[in-house]
Amino acid sequence: MKYSELKKILRSAGCYKESEGTSHERWYSPITGKRFPVGRHDAEDVHSGTFHSIQKAAGIK
């Protein structure tokens, strides 16, 4: 899965981007109340461990 696809999933779950850094974006999940980093390189593949960590922080899984 690419970062661009992951961001679509996050948006559909109600998450949104709060700020941008040089290599990561900071996202917020209203489901869990947590903030978490997401890579900015939309064309790159998300590693499986990173994917599961972001899903958990976002409250999707």
PDB file of N, CA and C in Angstrom:
ATOM      1  N   MET A   1       0.840  -1.172   0.000  1.00  0.00           N
ATOM      2  CA  MET A   1       0.000   0.000   0.000  1.00  0.00           C
ATOM      3  C   MET A   1       0.887   1.239   0.000  1.00  0.00           C
ATOM      4  N   LYS A   2       0.482   2.212  -0.765  1.00  0.00           N
ATOM      5  CA  LYS A   2       1.206   3.480  -0.849  1.00  0.00           C
ATOM      6  C   LYS A   2       0.700   4.439   0.242  1.00  0.00           C
ATOM      7  N   TYR A   3       1.524   5.417   0.582  1.00  0.00           N
ATOM      8  CA  TYR A   3       1.121   6.410   1.573  1.00  0.00           C
ATOM      9  C   TYR A   3      -0.117   7.181   1.113  1.00  0.00           C
ATOM     10  N   SER A   4      -0.238   7.419  -0.181  1.00  0.00           N
ATOM     11  CA  SER A   4      -1.401   8.151  -0.691  1.00  0.00           C
ATOM     12  C   SER A   4      -2.688   7.359  -0.434  1.00  0.00           C
ATOM     13  N   GLU A   5      -2.644   6.040  -0.576  1.00  0.00           N
ATOM     14  CA  GLU A   5      -3.814   5.203  -0.310  1.00  0.00           C
ATOM     15  C   GLU A   5      -4.132   5.187   1.183  1.00  0.00           C
ATOM     16  N   LEU A   6      -3.096   5.130   2.015  1.00  0.00           N
ATOM     17  CA  LEU A   6      -3.284   5.144   3.466  1.00  0.00           C
ATOM     18  C   LEU A   6      -3.949   6.444   3.908  1.00  0.00           C
ATOM     19  N   LYS A   7      -3.548   7.553   3.317  1.00  0.00           N
ATOM     20  CA  LYS A   7      -4.124   8.845   3.691  1.00  0.00           C
ATOM     21  C   LYS A   7      -5.602   8.923   3.326  1.00  0.00           C
ATOM     22  N   LYS A   8      -5.998   8.291   2.228  1.00  0.00           N
ATOM     23  CA  LYS A   8      -7.418   8.242   1.864  1.00  0.00           C
ATOM     24  C   LYS A   8      -8.213   7.472   2.911  1.00  0.00           C
ATOM     25  N   ILE A   9      -7.648   6.374   3.394  1.00  0.00           N
ATOM     26  CA  ILE A   9      -8.303   5.573   4.431  1.00  0.00           C
ATOM     27  C   ILE A   9      -8.430   6.380   5.715  1.00  0.00           C
ATOM     28  N   LEU A  10      -7.370   7.095   6.065  1.00  0.00           N
ATOM     29  CA  LEU A  10      -7.396   7.909   7.284  1.00  0.00           C
ATOM     30  C   LEU A  10      -8.456   9.004   7.190  1.00  0.00           C
ATOM     31  N   ARG A  11      -8.529   9.666   6.032  1.00  0.00           N
ATOM     32  CA  ARG A  11      -9.537  10.726   5.852  1.00  0.00           C
ATOM     33  C   ARG A  11     -10.953  10.165   5.956  1.00  0.00           C
ATOM     34  N   SER A  12     -11.181   8.980   5.401  1.00  0.00           N
ATOM     35  CA  SER A  12     -12.518   8.387   5.449  1.00  0.00           C
ATOM     36  C   SER A  12     -12.901   7.993   6.871  1.00  0.00           C
ATOM     37  N   ALA A  13     -11.892   7.792   7.736  1.00  0.00           N
ATOM     38  CA  ALA A  13     -12.154   7.466   9.138  1.00  0.00           C
ATOM     39  C   ALA A  13     -12.300   8.722   9.993  1.00  0.00           C
ATOM     40  N   GLY A  14     -12.181   9.902   9.381  1.00  0.00           N
ATOM     41  CA  GLY A  14     -12.348  11.154  10.111  1.00  0.00           C
ATOM     42  C   GLY A  14     -11.055  11.773  10.606  1.00  0.00           C
ATOM     43  N   CYS A  15      -9.922  11.154  10.312  1.00  0.00           N
ATOM     44  CA  CYS A  15      -8.625  11.703  10.715  1.00  0.00           C
ATOM     45  C   CYS A  15      -8.260  12.868   9.799  1.00  0.00           C
ATOM     46  N   TYR A  16      -7.422  13.750  10.318  1.00  0.00           N
ATOM     47  CA  TYR A  16      -7.012  14.880   9.497  1.00  0.00           C
ATOM     48  C   TYR A  16      -5.581  15.288   9.833  1.00  0.00           C
ATOM     49  N   LYS A  17      -4.939  15.945   8.860  1.00  0.00           N
ATOM     50  CA  LYS A  17      -3.558  16.402   8.993  1.00  0.00           C
ATOM     51  C   LYS A  17      -3.545  17.696   9.791  1.00  0.00           C
ATOM     52  N   GLU A  18      -2.711  17.728  10.831  1.00  0.00           N
ATOM     53  CA  GLU A  18      -2.584  18.934  11.648  1.00  0.00           C
ATOM     54  C   GLU A  18      -1.443  19.821  11.182  1.00  0.00           C
ATOM     55  N   SER A  19      -0.311  19.209  10.846  1.00  0.00           N
ATOM     56  CA  SER A  19       0.851  19.999  10.450  1.00  0.00           C
ATOM     57  C   SER A  19       1.774  19.155   9.583  1.00  0.00           C
ATOM     58  N   GLU A  20       2.740  19.839   8.959  1.00  0.00           N
ATOM     59  CA  GLU A  20       3.701  19.171   8.098  1.00  0.00           C
ATOM     60  C   GLU A  20       5.105  19.469   8.572  1.00  0.00           C
ATOM     61  N   GLY A  21       5.937  18.423   8.557  1.00  0.00           N
ATOM     62  CA  GLY A  21       7.361  18.579   8.839  1.00  0.00           C
ATOM     63  C   GLY A  21       8.140  18.332   7.567  1.00  0.00           C
ATOM     64  N   THR A  22       9.429  18.128   7.698  1.00  0.00           N
ATOM     65  CA  THR A  22      10.245  17.914   6.515  1.00  0.00           C
ATOM     66  C   THR A  22      10.073  16.519   5.932  1.00  0.00           C
ATOM     67  N   SER A  23       9.895  15.517   6.773  1.00  0.00           N
ATOM     68  CA  SER A  23       9.755  14.149   6.264  1.00  0.00           C
ATOM     69  C   SER A  23       8.449  13.486   6.666  1.00  0.00           C
ATOM     70  N   HIS A  24       7.719  14.061   7.615  1.00  0.00           N
ATOM     71  CA  HIS A  24       6.466  13.472   8.082  1.00  0.00           C
ATOM     72  C   HIS A  24       5.384  14.539   8.231  1.00  0.00           C
ATOM     73  N   GLU A  25       4.150  14.081   8.166  1.00  0.00           N
ATOM     74  CA  GLU A  25       2.998  14.917   8.486  1.00  0.00           C
ATOM     75  C   GLU A  25       2.479  14.452   9.844  1.00  0.00           C
ATOM     76  N   ARG A  26       1.912  15.367  10.603  1.00  0.00           N
ATOM     77  CA  ARG A  26       1.337  15.007  11.897  1.00  0.00           C
ATOM     78  C   ARG A  26      -0.174  14.946  11.729  1.00  0.00           C
ATOM     79  N   TRP A  27      -0.766  13.792  11.996  1.00  0.00           N
ATOM     80  CA  TRP A  27      -2.195  13.562  11.847  1.00  0.00           C
ATOM     81  C   TRP A  27      -2.854  13.401  13.203  1.00  0.00           C
ATOM     82  N   TYR A  28      -4.155  13.666  13.263  1.00  0.00           N
ATOM     83  CA  TYR A  28      -4.932  13.542  14.493  1.00  0.00           C
ATOM     84  C   TYR A  28      -6.137  12.650  14.239  1.00  0.00           C
ATOM     85  N   SER A  29      -6.412  11.770  15.193  1.00  0.00           N
ATOM     86  CA  SER A  29      -7.579  10.907  15.108  1.00  0.00           C
ATOM     87  C   SER A  29      -8.600  11.308  16.163  1.00  0.00           C
ATOM     88  N   PRO A  30      -9.811  11.720  15.748  1.00  0.00           N
ATOM     89  CA  PRO A  30     -10.843  12.044  16.730  1.00  0.00           C
ATOM     90  C   PRO A  30     -11.389  10.793  17.424  1.00  0.00           C
ATOM     91  N   ILE A  31     -11.155   9.619  16.855  1.00  0.00           N
ATOM     92  CA  ILE A  31     -11.617   8.362  17.453  1.00  0.00           C
ATOM     93  C   ILE A  31     -10.822   8.051  18.715  1.00  0.00           C
ATOM     94  N   THR A  32      -9.493   8.161  18.622  1.00  0.00           N
ATOM     95  CA  THR A  32      -8.632   7.823  19.757  1.00  0.00           C
ATOM     96  C   THR A  32      -8.117   9.048  20.499  1.00  0.00           C
ATOM     97  N   GLY A  33      -8.186  10.213  19.870  1.00  0.00           N
ATOM     98  CA  GLY A  33      -7.645  11.422  20.471  1.00  0.00           C
ATOM     99  C   GLY A  33      -6.129  11.479  20.401  1.00  0.00           C
ATOM    100  N   LYS A  34      -5.529  10.654  19.543  1.00  0.00           N
ATOM    101  CA  LYS A  34      -4.074  10.590  19.433  1.00  0.00           C
ATOM    102  C   LYS A  34      -3.575  11.332  18.199  1.00  0.00           C
ATOM    103  N   ARG A  35      -2.333  11.803  18.318  1.00  0.00           N
ATOM    104  CA  ARG A  35      -1.627  12.392  17.192  1.00  0.00           C
ATOM    105  C   ARG A  35      -0.534  11.406  16.785  1.00  0.00           C
ATOM    106  N   PHE A  36      -0.304  11.279  15.482  1.00  0.00           N
ATOM    107  CA  PHE A  36       0.672  10.303  15.006  1.00  0.00           C
ATOM    108  C   PHE A  36       1.295  10.780  13.703  1.00  0.00           C
ATOM    109  N   PRO A  37       2.550  10.349  13.443  1.00  0.00           N
ATOM    110  CA  PRO A  37       3.235  10.759  12.213  1.00  0.00           C
ATOM    111  C   PRO A  37       2.874   9.857  11.040  1.00  0.00           C
ATOM    112  N   VAL A  38       2.809  10.451   9.857  1.00  0.00           N
ATOM    113  CA  VAL A  38       2.588   9.717   8.610  1.00  0.00           C
ATOM    114  C   VAL A  38       3.592  10.277   7.601  1.00  0.00           C
ATOM    115  N   GLY A  39       4.269   9.400   6.883  1.00  0.00           N
ATOM    116  CA  GLY A  39       5.276   9.824   5.913  1.00  0.00           C
ATOM    117  C   GLY A  39       4.684  10.711   4.818  1.00  0.00           C
ATOM    118  N   ARG A  40       5.496  11.618   4.307  1.00  0.00           N
ATOM    119  CA  ARG A  40       5.036  12.559   3.282  1.00  0.00           C
ATOM    120  C   ARG A  40       5.225  12.051   1.869  1.00  0.00           C
ATOM    121  N   HIS A  41       5.941  10.957   1.682  1.00  0.00           N
ATOM    122  CA  HIS A  41       6.271  10.462   0.350  1.00  0.00           C
ATOM    123  C   HIS A  41       5.145   9.583  -0.170  1.00  0.00           C
ATOM    124  N   ASP A  42       4.179  10.201  -0.830  1.00  0.00           N
ATOM    125  CA  ASP A  42       2.952   9.519  -1.240  1.00  0.00           C
ATOM    126  C   ASP A  42       3.182   8.326  -2.160  1.00  0.00           C
ATOM    127  N   ALA A  43       4.234   8.332  -2.963  1.00  0.00           N
ATOM    128  CA  ALA A  43       4.466   7.252  -3.921  1.00  0.00           C
ATOM    129  C   ALA A  43       5.186   6.055  -3.300  1.00  0.00           C
ATOM    130  N   GLU A  44       5.682   6.186  -2.072  1.00  0.00           N
ATOM    131  CA  GLU A  44       6.408   5.090  -1.424  1.00  0.00           C
ATOM    132  C   GLU A  44       5.452   4.110  -0.774  1.00  0.00           C
ATOM    133  N   ASP A  45       5.904   2.858  -0.679  1.00  0.00           N
ATOM    134  CA  ASP A  45       5.131   1.830   0.014  1.00  0.00           C
ATOM    135  C   ASP A  45       5.259   2.018   1.522  1.00  0.00           C
ATOM    136  N   VAL A  46       4.179   1.726   2.233  1.00  0.00           N
ATOM    137  CA  VAL A  46       4.176   1.770   3.691  1.00  0.00           C
ATOM    138  C   VAL A  46       4.605   0.388   4.180  1.00  0.00           C
ATOM    139  N   HIS A  47       5.604   0.322   5.049  1.00  0.00           N
ATOM    140  CA  HIS A  47       6.020  -0.955   5.613  1.00  0.00           C
ATOM    141  C   HIS A  47       4.901  -1.507   6.485  1.00  0.00           C
ATOM    142  N   SER A  48       4.787  -2.812   6.565  1.00  0.00           N
ATOM    143  CA  SER A  48       3.655  -3.428   7.258  1.00  0.00           C
ATOM    144  C   SER A  48       3.594  -3.043   8.733  1.00  0.00           C
ATOM    145  N   GLY A  49       4.732  -2.970   9.413  1.00  0.00           N
ATOM    146  CA  GLY A  49       4.733  -2.580  10.821  1.00  0.00           C
ATOM    147  C   GLY A  49       4.274  -1.147  11.008  1.00  0.00           C
ATOM    148  N   THR A  50       4.710  -0.278  10.133  1.00  0.00           N
ATOM    149  CA  THR A  50       4.294   1.122  10.168  1.00  0.00           C
ATOM    150  C   THR A  50       2.803   1.236   9.900  1.00  0.00           C
ATOM    151  N   PHE A  51       2.323   0.475   8.928  1.00  0.00           N
ATOM    152  CA  PHE A  51       0.905   0.481   8.579  1.00  0.00           C
ATOM    153  C   PHE A  51       0.044   0.077   9.769  1.00  0.00           C
ATOM    154  N   HIS A  52       0.421  -0.994  10.446  1.00  0.00           N
ATOM    155  CA  HIS A  52      -0.354  -1.469  11.596  1.00  0.00           C
ATOM    156  C   HIS A  52      -0.290  -0.483  12.761  1.00  0.00           C
ATOM    157  N   SER A  53       0.855   0.150  12.946  1.00  0.00           N
ATOM    158  CA  SER A  53       1.002   1.136  14.006  1.00  0.00           C
ATOM    159  C   SER A  53       0.107   2.355  13.759  1.00  0.00           C
ATOM    160  N   ILE A  54       0.063   2.815  12.505  1.00  0.00           N
ATOM    161  CA  ILE A  54      -0.783   3.959  12.163  1.00  0.00           C
ATOM    162  C   ILE A  54      -2.251   3.591  12.299  1.00  0.00           C
ATOM    163  N   GLN A  55      -2.628   2.390  11.868  1.00  0.00           N
ATOM    164  CA  GLN A  55      -4.014   1.940  12.012  1.00  0.00           C
ATOM    165  C   GLN A  55      -4.421   1.926  13.477  1.00  0.00           C
ATOM    166  N   LYS A  56      -3.560   1.427  14.328  1.00  0.00           N
ATOM    167  CA  LYS A  56      -3.858   1.345  15.765  1.00  0.00           C
ATOM    168  C   LYS A  56      -4.014   2.750  16.358  1.00  0.00           C
ATOM    169  N   ALA A  57      -3.084   3.660  16.022  1.00  0.00           N
ATOM    170  CA  ALA A  57      -3.153   5.023  16.535  1.00  0.00           C
ATOM    171  C   ALA A  57      -4.389   5.758  16.051  1.00  0.00           C
ATOM    172  N   ALA A  58      -4.829   5.436  14.832  1.00  0.00           N
ATOM    173  CA  ALA A  58      -5.996   6.094  14.258  1.00  0.00           C
ATOM    174  C   ALA A  58      -7.307   5.475  14.732  1.00  0.00           C
ATOM    175  N   GLY A  59      -7.233   4.297  15.360  1.00  0.00           N
ATOM    176  CA  GLY A  59      -8.461   3.636  15.822  1.00  0.00           C
ATOM    177  C   GLY A  59      -9.209   2.928  14.734  1.00  0.00           C
ATOM    178  N   ILE A  60      -8.518   2.583  13.653  1.00  0.00           N
ATOM    179  CA  ILE A  60      -9.163   1.903  12.519  1.00  0.00           C
ATOM    180  C   ILE A  60      -9.147   0.402  12.731  1.00  0.00           C
ATOM    181  N   LYS A  61      -8.172  -0.078  13.480  1.00  0.00           N
ATOM    182  CA  LYS A  61      -8.021  -1.514  13.680  1.00  0.00           C
ATOM    183  C   LYS A  61      -8.139  -1.877  15.127  1.00  0.00           C
TER     184      LYS A  61
END
